[in-house]
Amino acid sequence: MGDNAFGDALDDAAEEQTTDATDSSGATEKFIEAMAGDGTKSETIGFAVGPEMKYFYDELRASDDIDVDPGNEFRDQLERLANRHPEVADKARRKFEIDSE
């Protein structure tokens, strides 16, 4: 230890925080990748829409002329939002880990 024990302790704490943040960042990236992966889709998300949007959604899904999967489009958008807001994705990851224990 150097001449300044307090300074050394602060340096050690700062280094620990940096390591924790780096580990957390890597874990969050893996969480986002898993969120967007091709694994089993066992959870659902529901949200209200107006009747016009519901009719459009139904027709979009039924159309043979349009090659689009609205469910995949919503999942892709959520992945983009997770990448744009990693702090929220990290919070979700931590909650997921706690609930999965």
N, C-alpha and C. Protein backbone atom coordinates (compact mmCIF):
# COMPACT_ATOMS: atom_id res chain seq x y z
N MET A 1 0.84 -1.17 0.00
CA MET A 1 0.00 0.00 0.00
C MET A 1 0.89 1.23 0.00
N GLY A 2 0.43 2.29 -0.65
CA GLY A 2 1.21 3.52 -0.74
C GLY A 2 1.12 4.35 0.52
N ASP A 3 1.62 5.57 0.42
CA ASP A 3 1.61 6.48 1.56
C ASP A 3 0.20 6.94 1.91
N ASN A 4 -0.70 6.91 0.98
CA ASN A 4 -2.05 7.42 1.20
C ASN A 4 -3.04 6.25 1.15
N ALA A 5 -3.33 5.67 2.31
CA ALA A 5 -4.21 4.51 2.37
C ALA A 5 -5.62 4.86 1.89
N PHE A 6 -6.10 6.04 2.24
CA PHE A 6 -7.44 6.46 1.82
C PHE A 6 -7.50 6.57 0.31
N GLY A 7 -6.51 7.18 -0.29
CA GLY A 7 -6.45 7.31 -1.75
C GLY A 7 -6.40 5.96 -2.43
N ASP A 8 -5.61 5.03 -1.84
CA ASP A 8 -5.54 3.68 -2.39
C ASP A 8 -6.90 2.97 -2.32
N ALA A 9 -7.60 3.16 -1.21
CA ALA A 9 -8.92 2.55 -1.04
C ALA A 9 -9.89 3.11 -2.07
N LEU A 10 -9.83 4.41 -2.30
CA LEU A 10 -10.70 5.03 -3.31
C LEU A 10 -10.39 4.49 -4.70
N ASP A 11 -9.09 4.36 -5.00
CA ASP A 11 -8.69 3.81 -6.29
C ASP A 11 -9.19 2.38 -6.46
N ASP A 12 -9.09 1.57 -5.40
CA ASP A 12 -9.56 0.18 -5.46
C ASP A 12 -11.07 0.14 -5.68
N ALA A 13 -11.80 1.00 -4.97
CA ALA A 13 -13.26 1.04 -5.11
C ALA A 13 -13.65 1.46 -6.52
N ALA A 14 -12.96 2.44 -7.09
CA ALA A 14 -13.25 2.91 -8.44
C ALA A 14 -12.99 1.80 -9.45
N GLU A 15 -11.90 1.07 -9.25
CA GLU A 15 -11.56 -0.03 -10.15
C GLU A 15 -12.62 -1.13 -10.06
N GLU A 16 -13.10 -1.42 -8.85
CA GLU A 16 -14.15 -2.42 -8.65
C GLU A 16 -15.44 -2.01 -9.37
N GLN A 17 -15.79 -0.73 -9.27
CA GLN A 17 -17.00 -0.24 -9.93
C GLN A 17 -16.88 -0.36 -11.44
N THR A 18 -15.70 -0.04 -11.96
CA THR A 18 -15.46 -0.14 -13.40
C THR A 18 -15.60 -1.59 -13.85
N THR A 19 -15.03 -2.52 -13.07
CA THR A 19 -15.13 -3.94 -13.40
C THR A 19 -16.59 -4.40 -13.34
N ASP A 20 -17.32 -3.97 -12.29
CA ASP A 20 -18.74 -4.34 -12.18
C ASP A 20 -19.53 -3.79 -13.35
N ALA A 21 -19.26 -2.55 -13.75
CA ALA A 21 -19.98 -1.94 -14.87
C ALA A 21 -19.68 -2.68 -16.17
N THR A 22 -18.42 -3.08 -16.36
CA THR A 22 -18.04 -3.82 -17.56
C THR A 22 -18.72 -5.18 -17.58
N ASP A 23 -18.71 -5.88 -16.44
CA ASP A 23 -19.38 -7.18 -16.34
C ASP A 23 -20.87 -7.03 -16.61
N SER A 24 -21.48 -5.98 -16.02
CA SER A 24 -22.90 -5.73 -16.19
C SER A 24 -23.22 -5.43 -17.65
N SER A 25 -22.36 -4.66 -18.29
CA SER A 25 -22.57 -4.31 -19.70
C SER A 25 -22.55 -5.56 -20.58
N GLY A 26 -21.59 -6.44 -20.32
CA GLY A 26 -21.51 -7.68 -21.09
C GLY A 26 -22.73 -8.56 -20.85
N ALA A 27 -23.17 -8.63 -19.60
CA ALA A 27 -24.35 -9.43 -19.27
C ALA A 27 -25.59 -8.84 -19.93
N THR A 28 -25.67 -7.51 -19.97
CA THR A 28 -26.82 -6.86 -20.60
C THR A 28 -26.83 -7.12 -22.10
N GLU A 29 -25.66 -7.08 -22.73
CA GLU A 29 -25.59 -7.38 -24.17
C GLU A 29 -26.07 -8.80 -24.44
N LYS A 30 -25.67 -9.76 -23.59
CA LYS A 30 -26.12 -11.14 -23.75
C LYS A 30 -27.63 -11.24 -23.54
N PHE A 31 -28.15 -10.47 -22.57
CA PHE A 31 -29.59 -10.46 -22.30
C PHE A 31 -30.35 -9.96 -23.53
N ILE A 32 -29.87 -8.89 -24.15
CA ILE A 32 -30.53 -8.34 -25.34
C ILE A 32 -30.47 -9.35 -26.49
N GLU A 33 -29.33 -10.01 -26.65
CA GLU A 33 -29.21 -11.03 -27.70
C GLU A 33 -30.19 -12.17 -27.46
N ALA A 34 -30.31 -12.61 -26.19
CA ALA A 34 -31.24 -13.69 -25.87
C ALA A 34 -32.68 -13.24 -26.07
N MET A 35 -32.94 -11.98 -25.74
CA MET A 35 -34.28 -11.43 -25.89
C MET A 35 -34.70 -11.47 -27.37
N ALA A 36 -33.75 -11.26 -28.25
CA ALA A 36 -34.04 -11.20 -29.68
C ALA A 36 -33.79 -12.54 -30.37
N GLY A 37 -33.37 -13.52 -29.62
CA GLY A 37 -33.00 -14.80 -30.22
C GLY A 37 -34.18 -15.60 -30.75
N ASP A 38 -33.85 -16.74 -31.28
CA ASP A 38 -34.85 -17.61 -31.90
C ASP A 38 -35.39 -18.64 -30.92
N GLY A 39 -35.16 -18.46 -29.64
CA GLY A 39 -35.62 -19.41 -28.64
C GLY A 39 -37.13 -19.47 -28.55
N THR A 40 -37.59 -20.31 -27.67
CA THR A 40 -39.02 -20.51 -27.47
C THR A 40 -39.68 -19.21 -27.02
N LYS A 41 -40.76 -18.89 -27.66
CA LYS A 41 -41.54 -17.70 -27.31
C LYS A 41 -42.69 -18.15 -26.43
N SER A 42 -42.55 -18.00 -25.11
CA SER A 42 -43.55 -18.51 -24.19
C SER A 42 -44.30 -17.41 -23.44
N GLU A 43 -43.89 -16.18 -23.61
CA GLU A 43 -44.52 -15.06 -22.93
C GLU A 43 -45.26 -14.20 -23.95
N THR A 44 -46.30 -13.52 -23.50
CA THR A 44 -47.04 -12.63 -24.40
C THR A 44 -47.05 -11.22 -23.83
N ILE A 45 -47.16 -10.27 -24.71
CA ILE A 45 -47.29 -8.86 -24.34
C ILE A 45 -48.59 -8.37 -24.94
N GLY A 46 -49.41 -7.76 -24.14
CA GLY A 46 -50.68 -7.25 -24.66
C GLY A 46 -50.77 -5.75 -24.46
N PHE A 47 -51.35 -5.09 -25.43
CA PHE A 47 -51.57 -3.65 -25.31
C PHE A 47 -52.79 -3.29 -26.12
N ALA A 48 -53.45 -2.25 -25.69
CA ALA A 48 -54.70 -1.83 -26.33
C ALA A 48 -54.44 -1.06 -27.61
N VAL A 49 -55.30 -1.29 -28.58
CA VAL A 49 -55.29 -0.54 -29.84
C VAL A 49 -56.73 -0.18 -30.17
N GLY A 50 -56.89 0.77 -31.05
CA GLY A 50 -58.22 1.14 -31.50
C GLY A 50 -58.77 0.09 -32.46
N PRO A 51 -60.07 0.12 -32.70
CA PRO A 51 -60.67 -0.88 -33.59
C PRO A 51 -60.10 -0.82 -35.00
N GLU A 52 -59.76 0.37 -35.47
CA GLU A 52 -59.20 0.48 -36.82
C GLU A 52 -57.86 -0.25 -36.91
N MET A 53 -57.02 -0.09 -35.89
CA MET A 53 -55.73 -0.76 -35.90
C MET A 53 -55.90 -2.27 -35.80
N LYS A 54 -56.87 -2.72 -35.02
CA LYS A 54 -57.13 -4.15 -34.89
C LYS A 54 -57.53 -4.74 -36.25
N TYR A 55 -58.40 -4.04 -36.98
CA TYR A 55 -58.81 -4.52 -38.31
C TYR A 55 -57.60 -4.56 -39.25
N PHE A 56 -56.79 -3.51 -39.20
CA PHE A 56 -55.60 -3.48 -40.05
C PHE A 56 -54.66 -4.63 -39.70
N TYR A 57 -54.44 -4.84 -38.43
CA TYR A 57 -53.57 -5.91 -37.96
C TYR A 57 -54.06 -7.27 -38.46
N ASP A 58 -55.34 -7.52 -38.31
CA ASP A 58 -55.91 -8.79 -38.77
C ASP A 58 -55.73 -8.98 -40.27
N GLU A 59 -55.97 -7.92 -41.04
CA GLU A 59 -55.81 -8.00 -42.49
C GLU A 59 -54.35 -8.17 -42.89
N LEU A 60 -53.47 -7.51 -42.17
CA LEU A 60 -52.04 -7.63 -42.44
C LEU A 60 -51.59 -9.07 -42.24
N ARG A 61 -52.03 -9.68 -41.17
CA ARG A 61 -51.67 -11.07 -40.88
C ARG A 61 -52.28 -12.03 -41.90
N ALA A 62 -53.48 -11.73 -42.39
CA ALA A 62 -54.18 -12.64 -43.30
C ALA A 62 -53.74 -12.48 -44.75
N SER A 63 -53.10 -11.38 -45.08
CA SER A 63 -52.76 -11.11 -46.48
C SER A 63 -51.68 -12.05 -47.00
N ASP A 64 -51.96 -12.62 -48.16
CA ASP A 64 -50.96 -13.45 -48.83
C ASP A 64 -50.03 -12.59 -49.69
N ASP A 65 -50.41 -11.34 -49.94
CA ASP A 65 -49.64 -10.46 -50.80
C ASP A 65 -48.52 -9.74 -50.07
N ILE A 66 -48.56 -9.76 -48.76
CA ILE A 66 -47.56 -9.03 -47.96
C ILE A 66 -46.79 -10.03 -47.12
N ASP A 67 -45.48 -10.01 -47.30
CA ASP A 67 -44.62 -10.94 -46.56
C ASP A 67 -44.10 -10.23 -45.30
N VAL A 68 -44.94 -10.22 -44.27
CA VAL A 68 -44.55 -9.59 -43.02
C VAL A 68 -45.19 -10.36 -41.87
N ASP A 69 -44.46 -10.46 -40.79
CA ASP A 69 -44.98 -11.08 -39.57
C ASP A 69 -45.04 -9.98 -38.51
N PRO A 70 -46.23 -9.47 -38.22
CA PRO A 70 -46.33 -8.36 -37.26
C PRO A 70 -45.69 -8.68 -35.91
N GLY A 71 -45.81 -9.92 -35.45
CA GLY A 71 -45.17 -10.30 -34.19
C GLY A 71 -43.68 -10.10 -34.22
N ASN A 72 -43.05 -10.54 -35.33
CA ASN A 72 -41.60 -10.33 -35.47
C ASN A 72 -41.25 -8.86 -35.55
N GLU A 73 -42.11 -8.09 -36.21
CA GLU A 73 -41.87 -6.64 -36.31
C GLU A 73 -41.87 -6.00 -34.93
N PHE A 74 -42.83 -6.39 -34.09
CA PHE A 74 -42.87 -5.85 -32.72
C PHE A 74 -41.64 -6.28 -31.93
N ARG A 75 -41.25 -7.56 -32.05
CA ARG A 75 -40.07 -8.05 -31.33
C ARG A 75 -38.81 -7.31 -31.79
N ASP A 76 -38.69 -7.10 -33.10
CA ASP A 76 -37.53 -6.36 -33.63
C ASP A 76 -37.49 -4.94 -33.08
N GLN A 77 -38.65 -4.32 -33.00
CA GLN A 77 -38.70 -2.95 -32.47
C GLN A 77 -38.29 -2.92 -31.00
N LEU A 78 -38.73 -3.89 -30.22
CA LEU A 78 -38.33 -3.94 -28.81
C LEU A 78 -36.83 -4.16 -28.69
N GLU A 79 -36.25 -4.96 -29.57
CA GLU A 79 -34.79 -5.16 -29.55
C GLU A 79 -34.07 -3.84 -29.85
N ARG A 80 -34.57 -3.11 -30.84
CA ARG A 80 -33.95 -1.80 -31.17
C ARG A 80 -34.04 -0.87 -29.97
N LEU A 81 -35.18 -0.87 -29.30
CA LEU A 81 -35.34 -0.01 -28.11
C LEU A 81 -34.40 -0.45 -26.99
N ALA A 82 -34.20 -1.75 -26.82
CA ALA A 82 -33.28 -2.25 -25.80
C ALA A 82 -31.85 -1.80 -26.10
N ASN A 83 -31.46 -1.83 -27.36
CA ASN A 83 -30.12 -1.37 -27.73
C ASN A 83 -29.98 0.14 -27.58
N ARG A 84 -31.06 0.86 -27.81
CA ARG A 84 -31.05 2.31 -27.68
C ARG A 84 -31.06 2.75 -26.22
N HIS A 85 -31.62 1.91 -25.34
CA HIS A 85 -31.75 2.25 -23.93
C HIS A 85 -31.18 1.11 -23.07
N PRO A 86 -29.85 0.94 -23.10
CA PRO A 86 -29.24 -0.19 -22.39
C PRO A 86 -29.44 -0.14 -20.87
N GLU A 87 -29.63 1.05 -20.32
CA GLU A 87 -29.84 1.14 -18.87
C GLU A 87 -31.17 0.48 -18.48
N VAL A 88 -32.17 0.61 -19.32
CA VAL A 88 -33.47 -0.03 -19.07
C VAL A 88 -33.34 -1.54 -19.29
N ALA A 89 -32.61 -1.93 -20.32
CA ALA A 89 -32.38 -3.36 -20.58
C ALA A 89 -31.62 -3.99 -19.42
N ASP A 90 -30.66 -3.26 -18.85
CA ASP A 90 -29.90 -3.79 -17.72
C ASP A 90 -30.82 -3.98 -16.51
N LYS A 91 -31.69 -3.03 -16.27
CA LYS A 91 -32.64 -3.16 -15.16
C LYS A 91 -33.54 -4.37 -15.38
N ALA A 92 -34.00 -4.57 -16.61
CA ALA A 92 -34.84 -5.73 -16.94
C ALA A 92 -34.06 -7.02 -16.74
N ARG A 93 -32.79 -7.01 -17.14
CA ARG A 93 -31.94 -8.20 -16.98
C ARG A 93 -31.81 -8.56 -15.51
N ARG A 94 -31.55 -7.57 -14.67
CA ARG A 94 -31.40 -7.84 -13.24
C ARG A 94 -32.68 -8.40 -12.64
N LYS A 95 -33.83 -7.84 -13.01
CA LYS A 95 -35.10 -8.35 -12.52
C LYS A 95 -35.35 -9.77 -13.01
N PHE A 96 -35.02 -10.03 -14.27
CA PHE A 96 -35.18 -11.36 -14.84
C PHE A 96 -34.33 -12.37 -14.07
N GLU A 97 -33.08 -11.99 -13.76
CA GLU A 97 -32.18 -12.90 -13.03
C GLU A 97 -32.74 -13.20 -11.64
N ILE A 98 -33.28 -12.19 -10.97
CA ILE A 98 -33.84 -12.40 -9.64
C ILE A 98 -35.06 -13.32 -9.72
N ASP A 99 -35.94 -13.07 -10.67
CA ASP A 99 -37.14 -13.89 -10.82
C ASP A 99 -36.83 -15.31 -11.27
N SER A 100 -35.68 -15.49 -11.93
CA SER A 100 -35.31 -16.82 -12.43
C SER A 100 -34.61 -17.68 -11.39
N GLU A 101 -34.28 -17.09 -10.26
CA GLU A 101 -33.56 -17.86 -9.22
C GLU A 101 -34.47 -18.82 -8.51
